[in-house]
Structure formats: structure tokens, C-alpha cells
Amino acid sequence: MCKQLDWRQAKHWSLNMMPDFLLLPSKLNPIAKDYNGSLIVNPGLLTKGKSGGTFLEMKVLPNEAGKIENVSDFVHAVIKRI
């Protein structure tokens, strides 16, 4: 099932600032990537038919004084296969 985006409504779903972490599960290939200081993750699907899929294992390390410059400095994300 494919849904079309209504670009006339883009102002309602646009982001005013870049998040530290963005989780976007989909049927596309799993990926975890640092993009301009944000961690963008597609963990894939947990199950695919009768077989296992993929999931995200994420560790967040303590951060000093709340300073966030690059999310990859304090987050470790690994996509694992079932």
C-alpha cells in the first residue's frame, strides 16, 4: 500500500529544527546514519512474513552539562537481524 504526500499540507509536517534522533521505521533497507549532527534510523521491520526481520539496539551515554553538538558522540546504534 503506497500513500501519496499532499504537498499542499507540507507546512504542517515540516520540522522547524533538526531533532537529535529521528526514528522512521519502513519497508526500505535498514539504516542508521549521522546526518548533520542528527541520528536518522530506519530499523526495518521486526518480522517479514514467516521469517525474522531487524530491530534497533541503541545505547545512550551520559552527556556532560547538557551540551549536544553531535549525537554520534553519545549514542551507539546497531541494527540487528532476528
PDB file of N, CA and C in Angstrom:
ATOM      1  N   MET A   1       0.852  -1.160   0.000  1.00  0.00           N
ATOM      2  CA  MET A   1       0.000   0.000   0.000  1.00  0.00           C
ATOM      3  C   MET A   1       0.908   1.237   0.000  1.00  0.00           C
ATOM      4  N   CYS A   2       0.725   2.099  -0.962  1.00  0.00           N
ATOM      5  CA  CYS A   2       1.525   3.305  -1.100  1.00  0.00           C
ATOM      6  C   CYS A   2       0.627   4.522  -0.913  1.00  0.00           C
ATOM      7  N   LYS A   3       1.048   5.421  -0.079  1.00  0.00           N
ATOM      8  CA  LYS A   3       0.296   6.651   0.178  1.00  0.00           C
ATOM      9  C   LYS A   3       1.015   7.825  -0.471  1.00  0.00           C
ATOM     10  N   GLN A   4       0.266   8.716  -1.044  1.00  0.00           N
ATOM     11  CA  GLN A   4       0.810   9.927  -1.646  1.00  0.00           C
ATOM     12  C   GLN A   4       0.915  11.022  -0.587  1.00  0.00           C
ATOM     13  N   LEU A   5       1.914  11.878  -0.717  1.00  0.00           N
ATOM     14  CA  LEU A   5       2.047  13.031   0.165  1.00  0.00           C
ATOM     15  C   LEU A   5       1.288  14.211  -0.449  1.00  0.00           C
ATOM     16  N   ASP A   6       0.544  14.909   0.365  1.00  0.00           N
ATOM     17  CA  ASP A   6      -0.154  16.105  -0.081  1.00  0.00           C
ATOM     18  C   ASP A   6       0.755  17.300   0.180  1.00  0.00           C
ATOM     19  N   TRP A   7       1.502  17.718  -0.826  1.00  0.00           N
ATOM     20  CA  TRP A   7       2.484  18.780  -0.672  1.00  0.00           C
ATOM     21  C   TRP A   7       1.851  20.117  -0.297  1.00  0.00           C
ATOM     22  N   ARG A   8       0.555  20.267  -0.502  1.00  0.00           N
ATOM     23  CA  ARG A   8      -0.114  21.498  -0.083  1.00  0.00           C
ATOM     24  C   ARG A   8      -0.127  21.614   1.441  1.00  0.00           C
ATOM     25  N   GLN A   9       0.015  20.486   2.134  1.00  0.00           N
ATOM     26  CA  GLN A   9      -0.002  20.464   3.597  1.00  0.00           C
ATOM     27  C   GLN A   9       1.399  20.396   4.204  1.00  0.00           C
ATOM     28  N   ALA A  10       2.432  20.609   3.406  1.00  0.00           N
ATOM     29  CA  ALA A  10       3.821  20.466   3.867  1.00  0.00           C
ATOM     30  C   ALA A  10       4.144  21.344   5.071  1.00  0.00           C
ATOM     31  N   LYS A  11       3.533  22.515   5.165  1.00  0.00           N
ATOM     32  CA  LYS A  11       3.832  23.394   6.298  1.00  0.00           C
ATOM     33  C   LYS A  11       3.417  22.765   7.630  1.00  0.00           C
ATOM     34  N   HIS A  12       2.496  21.818   7.608  1.00  0.00           N
ATOM     35  CA  HIS A  12       2.027  21.176   8.830  1.00  0.00           C
ATOM     36  C   HIS A  12       2.931  20.029   9.289  1.00  0.00           C
ATOM     37  N   TRP A  13       3.693  19.430   8.380  1.00  0.00           N
ATOM     38  CA  TRP A  13       4.555  18.317   8.778  1.00  0.00           C
ATOM     39  C   TRP A  13       6.034  18.623   8.610  1.00  0.00           C
ATOM     40  N   SER A  14       6.379  19.877   8.386  1.00  0.00           N
ATOM     41  CA  SER A  14       7.789  20.250   8.307  1.00  0.00           C
ATOM     42  C   SER A  14       8.344  20.462   9.722  1.00  0.00           C
ATOM     43  N   LEU A  15       9.650  20.300   9.866  1.00  0.00           N
ATOM     44  CA  LEU A  15      10.313  20.464  11.162  1.00  0.00           C
ATOM     45  C   LEU A  15      10.977  21.835  11.226  1.00  0.00           C
ATOM     46  N   ASN A  16      10.749  22.559  12.305  1.00  0.00           N
ATOM     47  CA  ASN A  16      11.360  23.873  12.472  1.00  0.00           C
ATOM     48  C   ASN A  16      12.810  23.776  12.916  1.00  0.00           C
ATOM     49  N   MET A  17      13.174  22.672  13.559  1.00  0.00           N
ATOM     50  CA  MET A  17      14.554  22.451  13.966  1.00  0.00           C
ATOM     51  C   MET A  17      14.894  20.976  13.777  1.00  0.00           C
ATOM     52  N   MET A  18      16.162  20.693  13.694  1.00  0.00           N
ATOM     53  CA  MET A  18      16.613  19.322  13.469  1.00  0.00           C
ATOM     54  C   MET A  18      16.610  18.555  14.779  1.00  0.00           C
ATOM     55  N   PRO A  19      15.970  17.375  14.831  1.00  0.00           N
ATOM     56  CA  PRO A  19      15.962  16.583  16.066  1.00  0.00           C
ATOM     57  C   PRO A  19      17.312  15.894  16.286  1.00  0.00           C
ATOM     58  N   ASP A  20      17.583  15.500  17.536  1.00  0.00           N
ATOM     59  CA  ASP A  20      18.796  14.743  17.831  1.00  0.00           C
ATOM     60  C   ASP A  20      18.678  13.320  17.303  1.00  0.00           C
ATOM     61  N   PHE A  21      17.467  12.770  17.361  1.00  0.00           N
ATOM     62  CA  PHE A  21      17.229  11.385  16.965  1.00  0.00           C
ATOM     63  C   PHE A  21      15.895  11.306  16.234  1.00  0.00           C
ATOM     64  N   LEU A  22      15.884  10.670  15.070  1.00  0.00           N
ATOM     65  CA  LEU A  22      14.667  10.531  14.289  1.00  0.00           C
ATOM     66  C   LEU A  22      14.507   9.065  13.909  1.00  0.00           C
ATOM     67  N   LEU A  23      13.436   8.447  14.383  1.00  0.00           N
ATOM     68  CA  LEU A  23      13.155   7.037  14.130  1.00  0.00           C
ATOM     69  C   LEU A  23      12.049   6.942  13.090  1.00  0.00           C
ATOM     70  N   LEU A  24      12.376   6.334  11.937  1.00  0.00           N
ATOM     71  CA  LEU A  24      11.434   6.225  10.829  1.00  0.00           C
ATOM     72  C   LEU A  24      11.384   4.784  10.322  1.00  0.00           C
ATOM     73  N   PRO A  25      10.622   3.901  10.982  1.00  0.00           N
ATOM     74  CA  PRO A  25      10.562   2.512  10.521  1.00  0.00           C
ATOM     75  C   PRO A  25       9.834   2.413   9.185  1.00  0.00           C
ATOM     76  N   SER A  26      10.357   1.583   8.282  1.00  0.00           N
ATOM     77  CA  SER A  26       9.730   1.390   6.978  1.00  0.00           C
ATOM     78  C   SER A  26      10.158   0.053   6.379  1.00  0.00           C
ATOM     79  N   LYS A  27       9.625  -0.246   5.208  1.00  0.00           N
ATOM     80  CA  LYS A  27       9.973  -1.478   4.489  1.00  0.00           C
ATOM     81  C   LYS A  27      11.289  -1.351   3.742  1.00  0.00           C
ATOM     82  N   LEU A  28      11.833  -0.152   3.668  1.00  0.00           N
ATOM     83  CA  LEU A  28      13.108   0.062   2.980  1.00  0.00           C
ATOM     84  C   LEU A  28      14.246  -0.585   3.764  1.00  0.00           C
ATOM     85  N   ASN A  29      15.421  -0.658   3.169  1.00  0.00           N
ATOM     86  CA  ASN A  29      16.573  -1.271   3.825  1.00  0.00           C
ATOM     87  C   ASN A  29      16.879  -0.572   5.146  1.00  0.00           C
ATOM     88  N   PRO A  30      17.168  -1.353   6.198  1.00  0.00           N
ATOM     89  CA  PRO A  30      17.523  -0.758   7.496  1.00  0.00           C
ATOM     90  C   PRO A  30      18.797   0.078   7.386  1.00  0.00           C
ATOM     91  N   ILE A  31      18.810   1.203   8.098  1.00  0.00           N
ATOM     92  CA  ILE A  31      19.976   2.078   8.071  1.00  0.00           C
ATOM     93  C   ILE A  31      20.010   2.930   9.344  1.00  0.00           C
ATOM     94  N   ALA A  32      21.205   3.214   9.823  1.00  0.00           N
ATOM     95  CA  ALA A  32      21.418   4.159  10.924  1.00  0.00           C
ATOM     96  C   ALA A  32      22.523   5.086  10.448  1.00  0.00           C
ATOM     97  N   LYS A  33      22.216   6.388  10.349  1.00  0.00           N
ATOM     98  CA  LYS A  33      23.171   7.312   9.763  1.00  0.00           C
ATOM     99  C   LYS A  33      23.172   8.640  10.505  1.00  0.00           C
ATOM    100  N   ASP A  34      24.366   9.179  10.698  1.00  0.00           N
ATOM    101  CA  ASP A  34      24.521  10.514  11.273  1.00  0.00           C
ATOM    102  C   ASP A  34      24.380  11.508  10.118  1.00  0.00           C
ATOM    103  N   TYR A  35      23.410  12.393  10.232  1.00  0.00           N
ATOM    104  CA  TYR A  35      23.172  13.386   9.188  1.00  0.00           C
ATOM    105  C   TYR A  35      23.125  14.773   9.824  1.00  0.00           C
ATOM    106  N   ASN A  36      24.136  15.566   9.572  1.00  0.00           N
ATOM    107  CA  ASN A  36      24.232  16.928  10.126  1.00  0.00           C
ATOM    108  C   ASN A  36      24.038  16.969  11.636  1.00  0.00           C
ATOM    109  N   GLY A  37      24.609  16.019  12.356  1.00  0.00           N
ATOM    110  CA  GLY A  37      24.530  16.008  13.814  1.00  0.00           C
ATOM    111  C   GLY A  37      23.298  15.323  14.371  1.00  0.00           C
ATOM    112  N   SER A  38      22.432  14.778  13.517  1.00  0.00           N
ATOM    113  CA  SER A  38      21.243  14.040  13.958  1.00  0.00           C
ATOM    114  C   SER A  38      21.389  12.580  13.568  1.00  0.00           C
ATOM    115  N   LEU A  39      20.877  11.698  14.407  1.00  0.00           N
ATOM    116  CA  LEU A  39      20.904  10.275  14.105  1.00  0.00           C
ATOM    117  C   LEU A  39      19.570   9.904  13.464  1.00  0.00           C
ATOM    118  N   ILE A  40      19.608   9.496  12.206  1.00  0.00           N
ATOM    119  CA  ILE A  40      18.421   9.090  11.465  1.00  0.00           C
ATOM    120  C   ILE A  40      18.450   7.571  11.352  1.00  0.00           C
ATOM    121  N   VAL A  41      17.383   6.900  11.827  1.00  0.00           N
ATOM    122  CA  VAL A  41      17.371   5.437  11.873  1.00  0.00           C
ATOM    123  C   VAL A  41      16.099   4.874  11.255  1.00  0.00           C
ATOM    124  N   ASN A  42      16.289   3.907  10.358  1.00  0.00           N
ATOM    125  CA  ASN A  42      15.216   3.057   9.884  1.00  0.00           C
ATOM    126  C   ASN A  42      15.588   1.642  10.324  1.00  0.00           C
ATOM    127  N   PRO A  43      14.962   1.132  11.396  1.00  0.00           N
ATOM    128  CA  PRO A  43      15.322  -0.202  11.864  1.00  0.00           C
ATOM    129  C   PRO A  43      14.760  -1.322  10.996  1.00  0.00           C
ATOM    130  N   GLY A  44      13.931  -0.998  10.034  1.00  0.00           N
ATOM    131  CA  GLY A  44      13.306  -2.024   9.201  1.00  0.00           C
ATOM    132  C   GLY A  44      12.090  -2.602   9.908  1.00  0.00           C
ATOM    133  N   LEU A  45      11.713  -3.796   9.517  1.00  0.00           N
ATOM    134  CA  LEU A  45      10.548  -4.468  10.093  1.00  0.00           C
ATOM    135  C   LEU A  45      10.992  -5.597  11.013  1.00  0.00           C
ATOM    136  N   LEU A  46      10.292  -5.782  12.131  1.00  0.00           N
ATOM    137  CA  LEU A  46      10.636  -6.824  13.092  1.00  0.00           C
ATOM    138  C   LEU A  46      10.401  -8.215  12.511  1.00  0.00           C
ATOM    139  N   THR A  47       9.356  -8.354  11.720  1.00  0.00           N
ATOM    140  CA  THR A  47       9.096  -9.630  11.040  1.00  0.00           C
ATOM    141  C   THR A  47       8.845  -9.374   9.564  1.00  0.00           C
ATOM    142  N   LYS A  48       9.226 -10.358   8.753  1.00  0.00           N
ATOM    143  CA  LYS A  48       8.980 -10.289   7.317  1.00  0.00           C
ATOM    144  C   LYS A  48       8.373 -11.627   6.906  1.00  0.00           C
ATOM    145  N   GLY A  49       7.051 -11.647   6.826  1.00  0.00           N
ATOM    146  CA  GLY A  49       6.369 -12.904   6.533  1.00  0.00           C
ATOM    147  C   GLY A  49       6.546 -13.874   7.679  1.00  0.00           C
ATOM    148  N   LYS A  50       7.056 -15.073   7.385  1.00  0.00           N
ATOM    149  CA  LYS A  50       7.281 -16.076   8.426  1.00  0.00           C
ATOM    150  C   LYS A  50       8.701 -16.032   8.976  1.00  0.00           C
ATOM    151  N   SER A  51       9.534 -15.168   8.415  1.00  0.00           N
ATOM    152  CA  SER A  51      10.918 -15.088   8.890  1.00  0.00           C
ATOM    153  C   SER A  51      11.120 -13.838   9.748  1.00  0.00           C
ATOM    154  N   GLY A  52      12.248 -13.816  10.425  1.00  0.00           N
ATOM    155  CA  GLY A  52      12.567 -12.678  11.276  1.00  0.00           C
ATOM    156  C   GLY A  52      13.070 -11.499  10.472  1.00  0.00           C
ATOM    157  N   GLY A  53      12.953 -10.328  11.038  1.00  0.00           N
ATOM    158  CA  GLY A  53      13.397  -9.108  10.382  1.00  0.00           C
ATOM    159  C   GLY A  53      14.562  -8.490  11.126  1.00  0.00           C
ATOM    160  N   THR A  54      14.496  -7.198  11.354  1.00  0.00           N
ATOM    161  CA  THR A  54      15.561  -6.471  12.033  1.00  0.00           C
ATOM    162  C   THR A  54      14.984  -5.588  13.139  1.00  0.00           C
ATOM    163  N   PHE A  55      15.843  -5.225  14.092  1.00  0.00           N
ATOM    164  CA  PHE A  55      15.446  -4.319  15.165  1.00  0.00           C
ATOM    165  C   PHE A  55      16.637  -3.448  15.538  1.00  0.00           C
ATOM    166  N   LEU A  56      16.380  -2.406  16.292  1.00  0.00           N
ATOM    167  CA  LEU A  56      17.414  -1.454  16.683  1.00  0.00           C
ATOM    168  C   LEU A  56      17.806  -1.669  18.135  1.00  0.00           C
ATOM    169  N   GLU A  57      19.107  -1.764  18.388  1.00  0.00           N
ATOM    170  CA  GLU A  57      19.636  -1.753  19.745  1.00  0.00           C
ATOM    171  C   GLU A  57      20.396  -0.438  19.888  1.00  0.00           C
ATOM    172  N   MET A  58      19.958   0.381  20.852  1.00  0.00           N
ATOM    173  CA  MET A  58      20.543   1.709  20.988  1.00  0.00           C
ATOM    174  C   MET A  58      20.988   1.942  22.426  1.00  0.00           C
ATOM    175  N   LYS A  59      22.197   2.460  22.583  1.00  0.00           N
ATOM    176  CA  LYS A  59      22.731   2.809  23.900  1.00  0.00           C
ATOM    177  C   LYS A  59      22.991   4.307  23.911  1.00  0.00           C
ATOM    178  N   VAL A  60      22.437   4.986  24.920  1.00  0.00           N
ATOM    179  CA  VAL A  60      22.643   6.421  25.074  1.00  0.00           C
ATOM    180  C   VAL A  60      23.575   6.637  26.258  1.00  0.00           C
ATOM    181  N   LEU A  61      24.703   7.251  26.005  1.00  0.00           N
ATOM    182  CA  LEU A  61      25.701   7.506  27.038  1.00  0.00           C
ATOM    183  C   LEU A  61      25.402   8.832  27.733  1.00  0.00           C
ATOM    184  N   PRO A  62      25.802   8.976  28.998  1.00  0.00           N
ATOM    185  CA  PRO A  62      25.595  10.243  29.700  1.00  0.00           C
ATOM    186  C   PRO A  62      26.316  11.379  28.984  1.00  0.00           C
ATOM    187  N   ASN A  63      25.702  12.538  29.009  1.00  0.00           N
ATOM    188  CA  ASN A  63      26.269  13.706  28.356  1.00  0.00           C
ATOM    189  C   ASN A  63      26.623  14.754  29.411  1.00  0.00           C
ATOM    190  N   GLU A  64      27.762  15.401  29.253  1.00  0.00           N
ATOM    191  CA  GLU A  64      28.206  16.393  30.231  1.00  0.00           C
ATOM    192  C   GLU A  64      27.507  17.730  30.027  1.00  0.00           C
ATOM    193  N   ALA A  65      26.918  18.250  31.070  1.00  0.00           N
ATOM    194  CA  ALA A  65      26.336  19.604  31.123  1.00  0.00           C
ATOM    195  C   ALA A  65      25.302  19.875  30.043  1.00  0.00           C
ATOM    196  N   GLY A  66      24.694  18.829  29.493  1.00  0.00           N
ATOM    197  CA  GLY A  66      23.631  19.015  28.517  1.00  0.00           C
ATOM    198  C   GLY A  66      24.071  19.575  27.175  1.00  0.00           C
ATOM    199  N   LYS A  67      25.357  19.575  26.897  1.00  0.00           N
ATOM    200  CA  LYS A  67      25.841  20.096  25.619  1.00  0.00           C
ATOM    201  C   LYS A  67      25.737  19.012  24.553  1.00  0.00           C
ATOM    202  N   ILE A  68      24.978  19.297  23.514  1.00  0.00           N
ATOM    203  CA  ILE A  68      24.821  18.353  22.414  1.00  0.00           C
ATOM    204  C   ILE A  68      25.301  19.029  21.140  1.00  0.00           C
ATOM    205  N   GLU A  69      26.427  18.552  20.629  1.00  0.00           N
ATOM    206  CA  GLU A  69      26.933  19.088  19.374  1.00  0.00           C
ATOM    207  C   GLU A  69      26.788  18.064  18.260  1.00  0.00           C
ATOM    208  N   ASN A  70      27.034  16.806  18.581  1.00  0.00           N
ATOM    209  CA  ASN A  70      26.923  15.752  17.587  1.00  0.00           C
ATOM    210  C   ASN A  70      26.385  14.512  18.287  1.00  0.00           C
ATOM    211  N   VAL A  71      25.238  14.037  17.846  1.00  0.00           N
ATOM    212  CA  VAL A  71      24.575  12.913  18.506  1.00  0.00           C
ATOM    213  C   VAL A  71      25.430  11.646  18.481  1.00  0.00           C
ATOM    214  N   SER A  72      26.279  11.487  17.486  1.00  0.00           N
ATOM    215  CA  SER A  72      27.106  10.278  17.403  1.00  0.00           C
ATOM    216  C   SER A  72      28.153  10.211  18.510  1.00  0.00           C
ATOM    217  N   ASP A  73      28.359  11.333  19.222  1.00  0.00           N
ATOM    218  CA  ASP A  73      29.308  11.333  20.337  1.00  0.00           C
ATOM    219  C   ASP A  73      28.747  10.634  21.574  1.00  0.00           C
ATOM    220  N   PHE A  74      27.420  10.531  21.717  1.00  0.00           N
ATOM    221  CA  PHE A  74      26.847   9.939  22.921  1.00  0.00           C
ATOM    222  C   PHE A  74      25.780   8.874  22.665  1.00  0.00           C
ATOM    223  N   VAL A  75      25.560   8.499  21.406  1.00  0.00           N
ATOM    224  CA  VAL A  75      24.587   7.444  21.081  1.00  0.00           C
ATOM    225  C   VAL A  75      25.273   6.389  20.228  1.00  0.00           C
ATOM    226  N   HIS A  76      25.062   5.132  20.605  1.00  0.00           N
ATOM    227  CA  HIS A  76      25.586   3.998  19.837  1.00  0.00           C
ATOM    228  C   HIS A  76      24.383   3.197  19.348  1.00  0.00           C
ATOM    229  N   ALA A  77      24.169   3.132  18.038  1.00  0.00           N
ATOM    230  CA  ALA A  77      23.015   2.425  17.480  1.00  0.00           C
ATOM    231  C   ALA A  77      23.488   1.286  16.579  1.00  0.00           C
ATOM    232  N   VAL A  78      22.905   0.106  16.791  1.00  0.00           N
ATOM    233  CA  VAL A  78      23.228  -1.072  15.994  1.00  0.00           C
ATOM    234  C   VAL A  78      21.918  -1.720  15.528  1.00  0.00           C
ATOM    235  N   ILE A  79      21.813  -1.987  14.244  1.00  0.00           N
ATOM    236  CA  ILE A  79      20.642  -2.686  13.719  1.00  0.00           C
ATOM    237  C   ILE A  79      20.980  -4.169  13.686  1.00  0.00           C
ATOM    238  N   LYS A  80      20.161  -4.973  14.362  1.00  0.00           N
ATOM    239  CA  LYS A  80      20.417  -6.422  14.466  1.00  0.00           C
ATOM    240  C   LYS A  80      19.334  -7.216  13.741  1.00  0.00           C
ATOM    241  N   ARG A  81      19.729  -8.348  13.220  1.00  0.00           N
ATOM    242  CA  ARG A  81      18.814  -9.235  12.499  1.00  0.00           C
ATOM    243  C   ARG A  81      18.351 -10.358  13.418  1.00  0.00           C
ATOM    244  N   ILE A  82      17.068 -10.684  13.323  1.00  0.00           N
ATOM    245  CA  ILE A  82      16.500 -11.773  14.147  1.00  0.00           C
ATOM    246  C   ILE A  82      16.792 -13.105  13.472  1.00  0.00           C
TER     247      ILE A  82
END
